[in-house]
Amino acid sequence: MNDSRRQAMMARMCFFIMMEFWNTWIRFPKLDYGNLIVG
């Protein structure tokens, strides 16, 4: 039971990390492209 609970926690952490990573990654390239086009 401990192993399954640990796996669930790890999966949840990975999911949240991926979501934050994608949010920042999708936001930043647009700003970079805008700066490159403007500059």
PDB file of N, CA and C in Angstrom:
ATOM      1  N   MET A   1       0.837  -1.206   0.000  1.00  0.00           N
ATOM      2  CA  MET A   1       0.000   0.000   0.000  1.00  0.00           C
ATOM      3  C   MET A   1       0.873   1.257   0.000  1.00  0.00           C
ATOM      4  N   ASN A   2       1.970   1.226   0.739  1.00  0.00           N
ATOM      5  CA  ASN A   2       2.851   2.394   0.759  1.00  0.00           C
ATOM      6  C   ASN A   2       3.410   2.666  -0.637  1.00  0.00           C
ATOM      7  N   ASP A   3       3.802   1.593  -1.350  1.00  0.00           N
ATOM      8  CA  ASP A   3       4.370   1.783  -2.689  1.00  0.00           C
ATOM      9  C   ASP A   3       3.353   2.436  -3.619  1.00  0.00           C
ATOM     10  N   SER A   4       2.103   1.960  -3.591  1.00  0.00           N
ATOM     11  CA  SER A   4       1.087   2.529  -4.489  1.00  0.00           C
ATOM     12  C   SER A   4       0.850   3.995  -4.137  1.00  0.00           C
ATOM     13  N   ARG A   5       0.817   4.293  -2.840  1.00  0.00           N
ATOM     14  CA  ARG A   5       0.591   5.686  -2.434  1.00  0.00           C
ATOM     15  C   ARG A   5       1.753   6.557  -2.894  1.00  0.00           C
ATOM     16  N   ARG A   6       2.981   6.032  -2.756  1.00  0.00           N
ATOM     17  CA  ARG A   6       4.161   6.803  -3.175  1.00  0.00           C
ATOM     18  C   ARG A   6       4.116   7.026  -4.688  1.00  0.00           C
ATOM     19  N   GLN A   7       3.727   5.996  -5.428  1.00  0.00           N
ATOM     20  CA  GLN A   7       3.649   6.147  -6.890  1.00  0.00           C
ATOM     21  C   GLN A   7       2.621   7.212  -7.260  1.00  0.00           C
ATOM     22  N   ALA A   8       1.491   7.232  -6.544  1.00  0.00           N
ATOM     23  CA  ALA A   8       0.450   8.229  -6.829  1.00  0.00           C
ATOM     24  C   ALA A   8       0.998   9.627  -6.553  1.00  0.00           C
ATOM     25  N   MET A   9       1.720   9.794  -5.453  1.00  0.00           N
ATOM     26  CA  MET A   9       2.287  11.105  -5.125  1.00  0.00           C
ATOM     27  C   MET A   9       3.293  11.527  -6.191  1.00  0.00           C
ATOM     28  N   MET A  10       4.145  10.599  -6.621  1.00  0.00           N
ATOM     29  CA  MET A  10       5.147  10.921  -7.640  1.00  0.00           C
ATOM     30  C   MET A  10       4.457  11.321  -8.948  1.00  0.00           C
ATOM     31  N   ALA A  11       3.416  10.574  -9.330  1.00  0.00           N
ATOM     32  CA  ALA A  11       2.697  10.884 -10.572  1.00  0.00           C
ATOM     33  C   ALA A  11       2.079  12.275 -10.481  1.00  0.00           C
ATOM     34  N   ARG A  12       1.499  12.596  -9.313  1.00  0.00           N
ATOM     35  CA  ARG A  12       0.872  13.910  -9.147  1.00  0.00           C
ATOM     36  C   ARG A  12       1.927  15.011  -9.235  1.00  0.00           C
ATOM     37  N   MET A  13       3.066  14.794  -8.581  1.00  0.00           N
ATOM     38  CA  MET A  13       4.137  15.796  -8.624  1.00  0.00           C
ATOM     39  C   MET A  13       4.620  15.993 -10.058  1.00  0.00           C
ATOM     40  N   CYS A  14       4.836  14.888 -10.767  1.00  0.00           N
ATOM     41  CA  CYS A  14       5.306  14.979 -12.158  1.00  0.00           C
ATOM     42  C   CYS A  14       4.281  15.741 -12.997  1.00  0.00           C
ATOM     43  N   PHE A  15       2.989  15.450 -12.759  1.00  0.00           N
ATOM     44  CA  PHE A  15       1.933  16.114 -13.524  1.00  0.00           C
ATOM     45  C   PHE A  15       1.976  17.618 -13.286  1.00  0.00           C
ATOM     46  N   PHE A  16       2.071  18.022 -12.007  1.00  0.00           N
ATOM     47  CA  PHE A  16       2.097  19.458 -11.694  1.00  0.00           C
ATOM     48  C   PHE A  16       3.337  20.117 -12.286  1.00  0.00           C
ATOM     49  N   ILE A  17       4.487  19.433 -12.200  1.00  0.00           N
ATOM     50  CA  ILE A  17       5.728  20.004 -12.741  1.00  0.00           C
ATOM     51  C   ILE A  17       5.596  20.183 -14.253  1.00  0.00           C
ATOM     52  N   MET A  18       5.030  19.175 -14.927  1.00  0.00           N
ATOM     53  CA  MET A  18       4.869  19.272 -16.377  1.00  0.00           C
ATOM     54  C   MET A  18       3.931  20.427 -16.732  1.00  0.00           C
ATOM     55  N   MET A  19       2.836  20.573 -15.963  1.00  0.00           N
ATOM     56  CA  MET A  19       1.885  21.650 -16.239  1.00  0.00           C
ATOM     57  C   MET A  19       2.569  23.009 -16.088  1.00  0.00           C
ATOM     58  N   GLU A  20       3.315  23.199 -14.989  1.00  0.00           N
ATOM     59  CA  GLU A  20       4.001  24.481 -14.786  1.00  0.00           C
ATOM     60  C   GLU A  20       5.039  24.694 -15.880  1.00  0.00           C
ATOM     61  N   PHE A  21       5.784  23.620 -16.232  1.00  0.00           N
ATOM     62  CA  PHE A  21       6.808  23.720 -17.273  1.00  0.00           C
ATOM     63  C   PHE A  21       6.180  24.162 -18.587  1.00  0.00           C
ATOM     64  N   TRP A  22       5.040  23.547 -18.957  1.00  0.00           N
ATOM     65  CA  TRP A  22       4.389  23.903 -20.220  1.00  0.00           C
ATOM     66  C   TRP A  22       3.857  25.325 -20.175  1.00  0.00           C
ATOM     67  N   ASN A  23       3.273  25.718 -19.014  1.00  0.00           N
ATOM     68  CA  ASN A  23       2.744  27.090 -18.902  1.00  0.00           C
ATOM     69  C   ASN A  23       3.856  28.104 -19.126  1.00  0.00           C
ATOM     70  N   THR A  24       4.993  27.925 -18.456  1.00  0.00           N
ATOM     71  CA  THR A  24       6.091  28.883 -18.600  1.00  0.00           C
ATOM     72  C   THR A  24       6.673  28.790 -20.013  1.00  0.00           C
ATOM     73  N   TRP A  25       6.790  27.568 -20.549  1.00  0.00           N
ATOM     74  CA  TRP A  25       7.418  27.385 -21.862  1.00  0.00           C
ATOM     75  C   TRP A  25       6.562  27.967 -22.976  1.00  0.00           C
ATOM     76  N   ILE A  26       5.229  27.895 -22.794  1.00  0.00           N
ATOM     77  CA  ILE A  26       4.339  28.436 -23.836  1.00  0.00           C
ATOM     78  C   ILE A  26       4.311  29.957 -23.729  1.00  0.00           C
ATOM     79  N   ARG A  27       4.462  30.488 -22.512  1.00  0.00           N
ATOM     80  CA  ARG A  27       4.399  31.938 -22.328  1.00  0.00           C
ATOM     81  C   ARG A  27       5.683  32.616 -22.809  1.00  0.00           C
ATOM     82  N   PHE A  28       6.844  32.065 -22.451  1.00  0.00           N
ATOM     83  CA  PHE A  28       8.103  32.780 -22.695  1.00  0.00           C
ATOM     84  C   PHE A  28       8.491  32.893 -24.174  1.00  0.00           C
ATOM     85  N   PRO A  29       8.389  31.816 -24.977  1.00  0.00           N
ATOM     86  CA  PRO A  29       8.796  31.944 -26.386  1.00  0.00           C
ATOM     87  C   PRO A  29       8.053  33.074 -27.101  1.00  0.00           C
ATOM     88  N   LYS A  30       6.768  33.305 -26.760  1.00  0.00           N
ATOM     89  CA  LYS A  30       6.031  34.396 -27.401  1.00  0.00           C
ATOM     90  C   LYS A  30       6.704  35.727 -27.076  1.00  0.00           C
ATOM     91  N   LEU A  31       7.081  35.920 -25.805  1.00  0.00           N
ATOM     92  CA  LEU A  31       7.755  37.167 -25.421  1.00  0.00           C
ATOM     93  C   LEU A  31       9.087  37.276 -26.158  1.00  0.00           C
ATOM     94  N   ASP A  32       9.841  36.162 -26.215  1.00  0.00           N
ATOM     95  CA  ASP A  32      11.143  36.191 -26.895  1.00  0.00           C
ATOM     96  C   ASP A  32      10.949  36.526 -28.377  1.00  0.00           C
ATOM     97  N   TYR A  33       9.979  35.895 -29.034  1.00  0.00           N
ATOM     98  CA  TYR A  33       9.761  36.164 -30.452  1.00  0.00           C
ATOM     99  C   TYR A  33       9.363  37.625 -30.648  1.00  0.00           C
ATOM    100  N   GLY A  34       8.513  38.141 -29.740  1.00  0.00           N
ATOM    101  CA  GLY A  34       8.101  39.546 -29.840  1.00  0.00           C
ATOM    102  C   GLY A  34       9.313  40.455 -29.721  1.00  0.00           C
ATOM    103  N   ASN A  35      10.196  40.174 -28.766  1.00  0.00           N
ATOM    104  CA  ASN A  35      11.394  41.003 -28.591  1.00  0.00           C
ATOM    105  C   ASN A  35      12.280  40.910 -29.828  1.00  0.00           C
ATOM    106  N   LEU A  36      12.425  39.691 -30.378  1.00  0.00           N
ATOM    107  CA  LEU A  36      13.278  39.530 -31.554  1.00  0.00           C
ATOM    108  C   LEU A  36      12.701  40.315 -32.733  1.00  0.00           C
ATOM    109  N   ILE A  37      11.382  40.235 -32.919  1.00  0.00           N
ATOM    110  CA  ILE A  37      10.764  40.929 -34.056  1.00  0.00           C
ATOM    111  C   ILE A  37      10.872  42.440 -33.850  1.00  0.00           C
ATOM    112  N   VAL A  38      10.604  42.905 -32.627  1.00  0.00           N
ATOM    113  CA  VAL A  38      10.640  44.354 -32.367  1.00  0.00           C
ATOM    114  C   VAL A  38      12.085  44.850 -32.406  1.00  0.00           C
ATOM    115  N   GLY A  39      13.005  44.081 -31.775  1.00  0.00           N
ATOM    116  CA  GLY A  39      14.387  44.527 -31.679  1.00  0.00           C
ATOM    117  C   GLY A  39      15.159  44.178 -32.928  1.00  0.00           C
TER     118      GLY A  39
END
